[in-house]
C-alpha cells in the first residue's frame, strides 16, 4: 500500500504556483546552475520552465531565481535566498502532510491487511512504512 499525494499551492481561482513540478525545477536550478539544464533534466521545455518560474514569482510576490545574462563569461541561474527557503519550506510542509496522511490512514483503505506495508511518497520524494500498533508493518 502506498500513500501518494501531490500537494499544490495556489491563490484562490488562480493556477498553482508551487507543487512537485515547480519544487523539482527549483532544485534542478540549484543543482545545475541553469534553467535550461534543469528543465532538460526533467524532460521539460525551457519555455515551460520560464512559465513555472514566472508563476512562482507572481504567486509569492518574491524573486525565486536569480538570472545572469550570457556572454563571454557565460550566464547562469541560481536560487535567491527566498527561493532556497521556499523549497525548504515546501519540502518540510509536504513531509508533514504525508506523515499525517499515513498515520491517519483509515483501516478501510489499508485493504484489510494489518501487515501490508504502507509507504508514503509524494512531493518531498520520500517513502517509508508505518509500524502498526501490534509492532508489525501496516
N, C-alpha and C. Protein backbone atom coordinates (compact mmCIF):
# COMPACT_ATOMS: atom_id res chain seq x y z
N UNK A 1 0.86 -1.17 0.00
CA UNK A 1 0.00 0.00 0.00
C UNK A 1 0.90 1.22 0.00
N UNK A 2 0.56 2.20 -0.79
CA UNK A 2 1.33 3.44 -0.86
C UNK A 2 0.40 4.63 -0.77
N UNK A 3 0.78 5.60 0.03
CA UNK A 3 0.05 6.86 0.11
C UNK A 3 0.82 7.84 -0.76
N UNK A 4 0.16 8.39 -1.76
CA UNK A 4 0.82 9.29 -2.70
C UNK A 4 -0.03 10.54 -2.84
N UNK A 5 0.51 11.67 -2.41
CA UNK A 5 -0.19 12.94 -2.51
C UNK A 5 0.62 13.89 -3.37
N UNK A 6 -0.05 14.66 -4.17
CA UNK A 6 0.60 15.72 -4.94
C UNK A 6 0.05 17.04 -4.41
N UNK A 7 0.85 17.73 -3.66
CA UNK A 7 0.40 18.94 -2.97
C UNK A 7 0.76 20.18 -3.78
N UNK A 8 -0.24 20.99 -4.03
CA UNK A 8 -0.04 22.23 -4.79
C UNK A 8 -0.56 23.40 -3.98
N UNK A 9 0.06 24.56 -4.20
CA UNK A 9 -0.35 25.78 -3.52
C UNK A 9 -0.73 26.80 -4.58
N UNK A 10 -1.89 27.42 -4.41
CA UNK A 10 -2.33 28.45 -5.37
C UNK A 10 -3.10 29.53 -4.64
N UNK A 11 -3.20 30.64 -5.30
CA UNK A 11 -4.11 31.67 -4.81
C UNK A 11 -5.50 31.31 -5.31
N UNK A 12 -6.51 31.66 -4.59
CA UNK A 12 -7.88 31.29 -4.94
C UNK A 12 -8.18 31.67 -6.40
N UNK A 13 -8.60 30.67 -7.16
CA UNK A 13 -9.01 30.89 -8.54
C UNK A 13 -7.87 31.03 -9.54
N UNK A 14 -6.64 30.87 -9.10
CA UNK A 14 -5.50 31.00 -10.00
C UNK A 14 -4.78 29.67 -10.14
N UNK A 15 -3.91 29.61 -11.14
CA UNK A 15 -3.10 28.41 -11.37
C UNK A 15 -2.14 28.23 -10.19
N UNK A 16 -1.86 26.97 -9.85
CA UNK A 16 -0.94 26.68 -8.74
C UNK A 16 0.44 27.25 -9.06
N UNK A 17 1.06 27.85 -8.04
CA UNK A 17 2.40 28.39 -8.23
C UNK A 17 3.47 27.53 -7.58
N UNK A 18 3.06 26.61 -6.72
CA UNK A 18 4.04 25.73 -6.08
C UNK A 18 3.45 24.35 -5.96
N UNK A 19 4.25 23.37 -6.29
CA UNK A 19 3.85 21.98 -6.23
C UNK A 19 5.07 21.12 -6.53
N UNK A 20 4.86 19.84 -6.80
CA UNK A 20 6.00 18.95 -7.05
C UNK A 20 6.85 19.39 -8.24
N UNK A 21 6.21 19.79 -9.34
CA UNK A 21 6.97 20.21 -10.53
C UNK A 21 7.80 21.46 -10.30
N UNK A 22 7.17 22.54 -9.83
CA UNK A 22 7.97 23.73 -9.55
C UNK A 22 9.07 23.49 -8.51
N UNK A 23 8.80 22.69 -7.50
CA UNK A 23 9.82 22.39 -6.49
C UNK A 23 10.99 21.63 -7.13
N UNK A 24 10.67 20.64 -7.99
CA UNK A 24 11.73 19.90 -8.68
C UNK A 24 12.54 20.82 -9.59
N UNK A 25 11.86 21.74 -10.28
CA UNK A 25 12.57 22.68 -11.15
C UNK A 25 13.52 23.55 -10.32
N UNK A 26 13.06 24.08 -9.21
CA UNK A 26 13.93 24.91 -8.38
C UNK A 26 15.12 24.11 -7.86
N UNK A 27 14.90 22.86 -7.45
CA UNK A 27 16.01 22.01 -7.00
C UNK A 27 17.01 21.79 -8.14
N UNK A 28 16.48 21.58 -9.35
CA UNK A 28 17.35 21.37 -10.52
C UNK A 28 18.17 22.60 -10.83
N UNK A 29 17.58 23.78 -10.72
CA UNK A 29 18.32 25.03 -10.95
C UNK A 29 19.44 25.16 -9.91
N UNK A 30 19.13 24.86 -8.66
CA UNK A 30 20.14 24.93 -7.60
C UNK A 30 21.29 23.95 -7.90
N UNK A 31 20.95 22.77 -8.40
CA UNK A 31 21.94 21.72 -8.66
C UNK A 31 22.80 22.02 -9.88
N UNK A 32 22.17 22.51 -10.97
CA UNK A 32 22.88 22.67 -12.24
C UNK A 32 23.37 24.09 -12.51
N UNK A 33 22.78 25.07 -11.85
CA UNK A 33 23.14 26.46 -12.12
C UNK A 33 22.57 26.97 -13.43
N UNK A 34 21.54 26.28 -13.94
CA UNK A 34 20.99 26.62 -15.25
C UNK A 34 19.51 26.25 -15.33
N UNK A 35 18.71 27.21 -15.81
CA UNK A 35 17.29 26.92 -16.03
C UNK A 35 17.16 25.89 -17.14
N UNK A 36 17.90 26.09 -18.23
CA UNK A 36 17.82 25.18 -19.38
C UNK A 36 18.21 23.75 -19.00
N UNK A 37 19.30 23.59 -18.26
CA UNK A 37 19.74 22.24 -17.86
C UNK A 37 18.75 21.60 -16.89
N UNK A 38 18.22 22.39 -15.97
CA UNK A 38 17.24 21.86 -15.02
C UNK A 38 16.00 21.39 -15.76
N UNK A 39 15.52 22.21 -16.71
CA UNK A 39 14.33 21.84 -17.49
C UNK A 39 14.60 20.58 -18.31
N UNK A 40 15.73 20.54 -18.98
CA UNK A 40 16.06 19.37 -19.81
C UNK A 40 16.14 18.11 -18.96
N UNK A 41 16.69 18.22 -17.76
CA UNK A 41 16.78 17.06 -16.87
C UNK A 41 15.42 16.53 -16.44
N UNK A 42 14.40 17.37 -16.55
CA UNK A 42 13.04 16.97 -16.19
C UNK A 42 12.22 16.60 -17.43
N UNK A 43 12.83 16.73 -18.63
CA UNK A 43 12.07 16.49 -19.86
C UNK A 43 11.08 17.62 -20.13
N UNK A 44 11.41 18.82 -19.68
CA UNK A 44 10.52 19.97 -19.78
C UNK A 44 11.14 20.98 -20.75
N UNK A 45 10.30 21.69 -21.47
CA UNK A 45 10.82 22.73 -22.36
C UNK A 45 11.30 23.92 -21.55
N UNK A 46 12.23 24.67 -22.13
CA UNK A 46 12.75 25.88 -21.49
C UNK A 46 11.62 26.89 -21.29
N UNK A 47 10.74 27.00 -22.28
CA UNK A 47 9.62 27.94 -22.20
C UNK A 47 8.70 27.59 -21.03
N UNK A 48 8.42 26.29 -20.85
CA UNK A 48 7.58 25.88 -19.72
C UNK A 48 8.27 26.18 -18.39
N UNK A 49 9.59 25.96 -18.34
CA UNK A 49 10.33 26.25 -17.12
C UNK A 49 10.24 27.74 -16.79
N UNK A 50 10.37 28.60 -17.80
CA UNK A 50 10.25 30.04 -17.57
C UNK A 50 8.86 30.39 -17.06
N UNK A 51 7.83 29.72 -17.62
CA UNK A 51 6.46 29.97 -17.16
C UNK A 51 6.28 29.57 -15.70
N UNK A 52 6.84 28.42 -15.31
CA UNK A 52 6.75 27.99 -13.92
C UNK A 52 7.43 28.98 -12.99
N UNK A 53 8.60 29.46 -13.40
CA UNK A 53 9.31 30.45 -12.58
C UNK A 53 8.47 31.72 -12.46
N UNK A 54 7.88 32.15 -13.57
CA UNK A 54 7.02 33.34 -13.54
C UNK A 54 5.84 33.11 -12.60
N UNK A 55 5.22 31.92 -12.66
CA UNK A 55 4.09 31.60 -11.79
C UNK A 55 4.52 31.63 -10.32
N UNK A 56 5.68 31.05 -10.01
CA UNK A 56 6.18 31.05 -8.63
C UNK A 56 6.37 32.48 -8.15
N UNK A 57 7.03 33.28 -8.97
CA UNK A 57 7.37 34.64 -8.55
C UNK A 57 6.14 35.54 -8.48
N UNK A 58 5.19 35.36 -9.38
CA UNK A 58 3.97 36.18 -9.28
C UNK A 58 3.07 35.69 -8.15
N UNK A 59 3.07 34.37 -7.89
CA UNK A 59 2.26 33.82 -6.81
C UNK A 59 2.75 34.22 -5.44
N UNK A 60 4.07 34.33 -5.30
CA UNK A 60 4.64 34.67 -4.00
C UNK A 60 4.95 36.16 -3.86
N UNK A 61 5.05 36.84 -5.00
CA UNK A 61 5.43 38.25 -4.97
C UNK A 61 6.90 38.46 -4.66
N UNK A 62 7.69 37.39 -4.79
CA UNK A 62 9.12 37.45 -4.47
C UNK A 62 9.94 36.82 -5.60
N UNK A 63 11.18 37.23 -5.71
CA UNK A 63 12.10 36.67 -6.70
C UNK A 63 12.65 35.35 -6.18
N UNK A 64 12.41 34.26 -6.93
CA UNK A 64 12.88 32.94 -6.50
C UNK A 64 14.17 32.54 -7.22
N UNK A 65 14.37 33.05 -8.45
CA UNK A 65 15.52 32.68 -9.26
C UNK A 65 16.27 33.94 -9.67
N UNK A 66 17.58 33.89 -9.48
CA UNK A 66 18.44 34.99 -9.92
C UNK A 66 19.10 34.56 -11.23
N UNK A 67 18.95 35.38 -12.26
CA UNK A 67 19.49 35.05 -13.57
C UNK A 67 20.66 35.97 -13.90
N UNK A 68 21.69 35.37 -14.53
CA UNK A 68 22.83 36.14 -15.01
C UNK A 68 22.86 35.98 -16.52
N UNK A 69 22.88 37.10 -17.24
CA UNK A 69 22.87 37.06 -18.70
C UNK A 69 24.12 36.36 -19.22
N UNK A 70 23.96 35.69 -20.37
CA UNK A 70 25.08 35.00 -21.01
C UNK A 70 26.05 36.00 -21.61
N UNK A 71 27.02 35.50 -22.33
CA UNK A 71 28.04 36.34 -22.94
C UNK A 71 29.37 35.65 -22.82
N UNK A 72 30.45 36.41 -22.98
CA UNK A 72 31.78 35.79 -22.93
C UNK A 72 32.04 35.01 -21.64
N UNK A 73 31.60 35.54 -20.52
CA UNK A 73 31.81 34.86 -19.24
C UNK A 73 30.77 33.79 -18.96
N UNK A 74 29.76 33.67 -19.83
CA UNK A 74 28.69 32.71 -19.63
C UNK A 74 27.65 33.24 -18.67
N UNK A 75 26.49 32.71 -18.76
CA UNK A 75 25.39 33.11 -17.89
C UNK A 75 25.14 32.05 -16.86
N UNK A 76 23.97 32.06 -16.33
CA UNK A 76 23.61 31.04 -15.36
C UNK A 76 22.48 31.51 -14.49
N UNK A 77 22.03 30.64 -13.67
CA UNK A 77 20.92 30.95 -12.75
C UNK A 77 21.19 30.27 -11.42
N UNK A 78 20.64 30.86 -10.39
CA UNK A 78 20.72 30.28 -9.06
C UNK A 78 19.46 30.67 -8.31
N UNK A 79 19.22 29.98 -7.22
CA UNK A 79 18.07 30.33 -6.40
C UNK A 79 18.42 31.52 -5.53
N UNK A 80 17.49 32.43 -5.41
CA UNK A 80 17.65 33.54 -4.47
C UNK A 80 17.53 32.96 -3.06
N UNK A 81 17.93 33.72 -2.06
CA UNK A 81 17.70 33.23 -0.69
C UNK A 81 16.23 32.88 -0.46
N UNK A 82 15.31 33.68 -1.02
CA UNK A 82 13.89 33.36 -0.89
C UNK A 82 13.57 32.03 -1.56
N UNK A 83 14.11 31.81 -2.77
CA UNK A 83 13.87 30.56 -3.50
C UNK A 83 14.37 29.34 -2.73
N UNK A 84 15.53 29.48 -2.11
CA UNK A 84 16.07 28.38 -1.30
C UNK A 84 15.15 28.08 -0.13
N UNK A 85 14.69 29.13 0.53
CA UNK A 85 13.78 28.96 1.66
C UNK A 85 12.44 28.40 1.24
N UNK A 86 11.97 28.80 0.05
CA UNK A 86 10.70 28.30 -0.47
C UNK A 86 10.74 26.79 -0.67
N UNK A 87 11.82 26.29 -1.26
CA UNK A 87 11.95 24.84 -1.47
C UNK A 87 12.02 24.12 -0.13
N UNK A 88 12.81 24.64 0.81
CA UNK A 88 12.89 24.01 2.14
C UNK A 88 11.53 23.99 2.83
N UNK A 89 10.82 25.11 2.76
CA UNK A 89 9.50 25.20 3.41
C UNK A 89 8.50 24.25 2.76
N UNK A 90 8.50 24.19 1.43
CA UNK A 90 7.58 23.30 0.71
C UNK A 90 7.87 21.85 1.07
N UNK A 91 9.15 21.46 1.04
CA UNK A 91 9.52 20.08 1.35
C UNK A 91 9.13 19.70 2.78
N UNK A 92 9.38 20.59 3.72
CA UNK A 92 9.04 20.31 5.12
C UNK A 92 7.53 20.18 5.29
N UNK A 93 6.78 21.08 4.68
CA UNK A 93 5.32 21.04 4.75
C UNK A 93 4.79 19.76 4.11
N UNK A 94 5.28 19.43 2.91
CA UNK A 94 4.81 18.22 2.22
C UNK A 94 5.12 16.97 3.05
N UNK A 95 6.28 16.95 3.68
CA UNK A 95 6.65 15.80 4.51
C UNK A 95 5.70 15.67 5.70
N UNK A 96 5.38 16.79 6.35
CA UNK A 96 4.45 16.74 7.50
C UNK A 96 3.06 16.28 7.06
N UNK A 97 2.59 16.76 5.93
CA UNK A 97 1.26 16.36 5.44
C UNK A 97 1.25 14.87 5.12
N UNK A 98 2.31 14.38 4.46
CA UNK A 98 2.38 12.95 4.13
C UNK A 98 2.47 12.10 5.39
N UNK A 99 3.25 12.56 6.37
CA UNK A 99 3.33 11.82 7.64
C UNK A 99 1.94 11.69 8.27
N UNK A 100 1.20 12.80 8.29
CA UNK A 100 -0.14 12.76 8.85
C UNK A 100 -1.04 11.83 8.05
N UNK A 101 -0.98 11.92 6.72
CA UNK A 101 -1.84 11.08 5.87
C UNK A 101 -1.58 9.59 6.14
N UNK A 102 -0.33 9.21 6.31
CA UNK A 102 -0.01 7.81 6.58
C UNK A 102 -0.47 7.42 7.99
N UNK A 103 -0.21 8.29 8.96
CA UNK A 103 -0.57 7.95 10.35
C UNK A 103 -2.07 7.89 10.55
N UNK A 104 -2.83 8.61 9.74
CA UNK A 104 -4.28 8.68 9.90
C UNK A 104 -5.03 7.85 8.85
N UNK A 105 -4.34 6.94 8.18
CA UNK A 105 -4.96 6.12 7.15
C UNK A 105 -6.03 5.22 7.76
N UNK A 106 -7.28 5.36 7.33
CA UNK A 106 -8.35 4.52 7.88
C UNK A 106 -8.12 3.05 7.54
N UNK A 107 -8.49 2.15 8.44
CA UNK A 107 -8.31 0.72 8.20
C UNK A 107 -8.99 0.26 6.90
N UNK A 108 -10.11 0.90 6.56
CA UNK A 108 -10.84 0.50 5.34
C UNK A 108 -10.00 0.74 4.08
N UNK A 109 -9.05 1.65 4.15
CA UNK A 109 -8.21 1.94 2.99
C UNK A 109 -6.91 1.14 2.98
N UNK A 110 -6.67 0.37 4.03
CA UNK A 110 -5.44 -0.42 4.08
C UNK A 110 -5.67 -1.83 3.57
N UNK A 111 -6.73 -2.02 2.81
CA UNK A 111 -7.05 -3.31 2.17
C UNK A 111 -7.25 -4.43 3.17
N UNK A 112 -7.59 -4.09 4.41
CA UNK A 112 -7.91 -5.10 5.42
C UNK A 112 -6.72 -5.86 5.95
N UNK A 113 -5.54 -5.60 5.46
CA UNK A 113 -4.37 -6.34 5.91
C UNK A 113 -3.58 -5.52 6.92
N UNK A 114 -3.49 -5.98 8.14
CA UNK A 114 -2.76 -5.25 9.17
C UNK A 114 -1.25 -5.35 8.93
N UNK A 115 -0.81 -6.29 8.10
CA UNK A 115 0.62 -6.45 7.86
C UNK A 115 1.05 -5.87 6.51
N UNK A 116 0.13 -5.32 5.76
CA UNK A 116 0.51 -4.73 4.47
C UNK A 116 1.37 -3.50 4.72
N UNK A 117 2.43 -3.36 3.97
CA UNK A 117 3.30 -2.19 4.12
C UNK A 117 2.60 -0.94 3.62
N UNK A 118 2.62 0.11 4.39
CA UNK A 118 2.08 1.40 3.97
C UNK A 118 3.26 2.29 3.69
N UNK A 119 3.40 2.69 2.45
CA UNK A 119 4.50 3.56 2.06
C UNK A 119 3.96 4.95 1.80
N UNK A 120 4.79 5.93 2.01
CA UNK A 120 4.40 7.30 1.72
C UNK A 120 5.31 7.80 0.61
N UNK A 121 4.74 8.52 -0.31
CA UNK A 121 5.54 9.14 -1.34
C UNK A 121 4.81 10.39 -1.80
N UNK A 122 5.52 11.25 -2.42
CA UNK A 122 4.90 12.48 -2.89
C UNK A 122 5.93 13.54 -3.15
N UNK A 123 5.53 14.76 -2.96
CA UNK A 123 6.32 15.92 -3.34
C UNK A 123 7.72 15.93 -2.73
N UNK A 124 7.86 15.46 -1.53
CA UNK A 124 9.16 15.51 -0.89
C UNK A 124 10.05 14.36 -1.35
N UNK A 125 9.53 13.45 -2.15
CA UNK A 125 10.31 12.35 -2.69
C UNK A 125 10.75 11.33 -1.66
N UNK A 126 10.02 11.22 -0.57
CA UNK A 126 10.37 10.29 0.49
C UNK A 126 9.37 9.16 0.51
N UNK A 127 9.79 8.04 1.03
CA UNK A 127 8.91 6.90 1.14
C UNK A 127 9.29 6.11 2.38
N UNK A 128 8.30 5.76 3.18
CA UNK A 128 8.58 4.92 4.35
C UNK A 128 7.31 4.24 4.81
N UNK A 129 7.50 3.21 5.61
CA UNK A 129 6.38 2.44 6.13
C UNK A 129 6.06 2.90 7.54
N UNK A 130 4.85 2.57 7.97
CA UNK A 130 4.40 2.93 9.31
C UNK A 130 4.19 1.64 10.09
N UNK A 131 4.78 1.53 11.28
CA UNK A 131 4.50 0.34 12.08
C UNK A 131 3.09 0.39 12.64
N UNK A 132 2.47 -0.76 12.78
CA UNK A 132 1.12 -0.81 13.35
C UNK A 132 1.23 -0.87 14.88
N UNK A 133 0.10 -0.78 15.53
CA UNK A 133 0.08 -0.81 16.99
C UNK A 133 0.62 -2.14 17.52
N UNK A 134 0.48 -3.21 16.74
CA UNK A 134 0.94 -4.52 17.20
C UNK A 134 2.43 -4.73 16.93
N UNK A 135 3.10 -3.72 16.36
CA UNK A 135 4.53 -3.84 16.11
C UNK A 135 4.85 -4.34 14.72
N UNK A 136 3.86 -4.89 14.02
CA UNK A 136 4.09 -5.34 12.65
C UNK A 136 4.00 -4.19 11.67
N UNK A 137 4.18 -4.46 10.41
CA UNK A 137 4.08 -3.43 9.39
C UNK A 137 2.65 -3.32 8.94
N UNK A 138 2.20 -2.10 8.69
CA UNK A 138 0.84 -1.88 8.16
C UNK A 138 0.92 -1.63 6.70
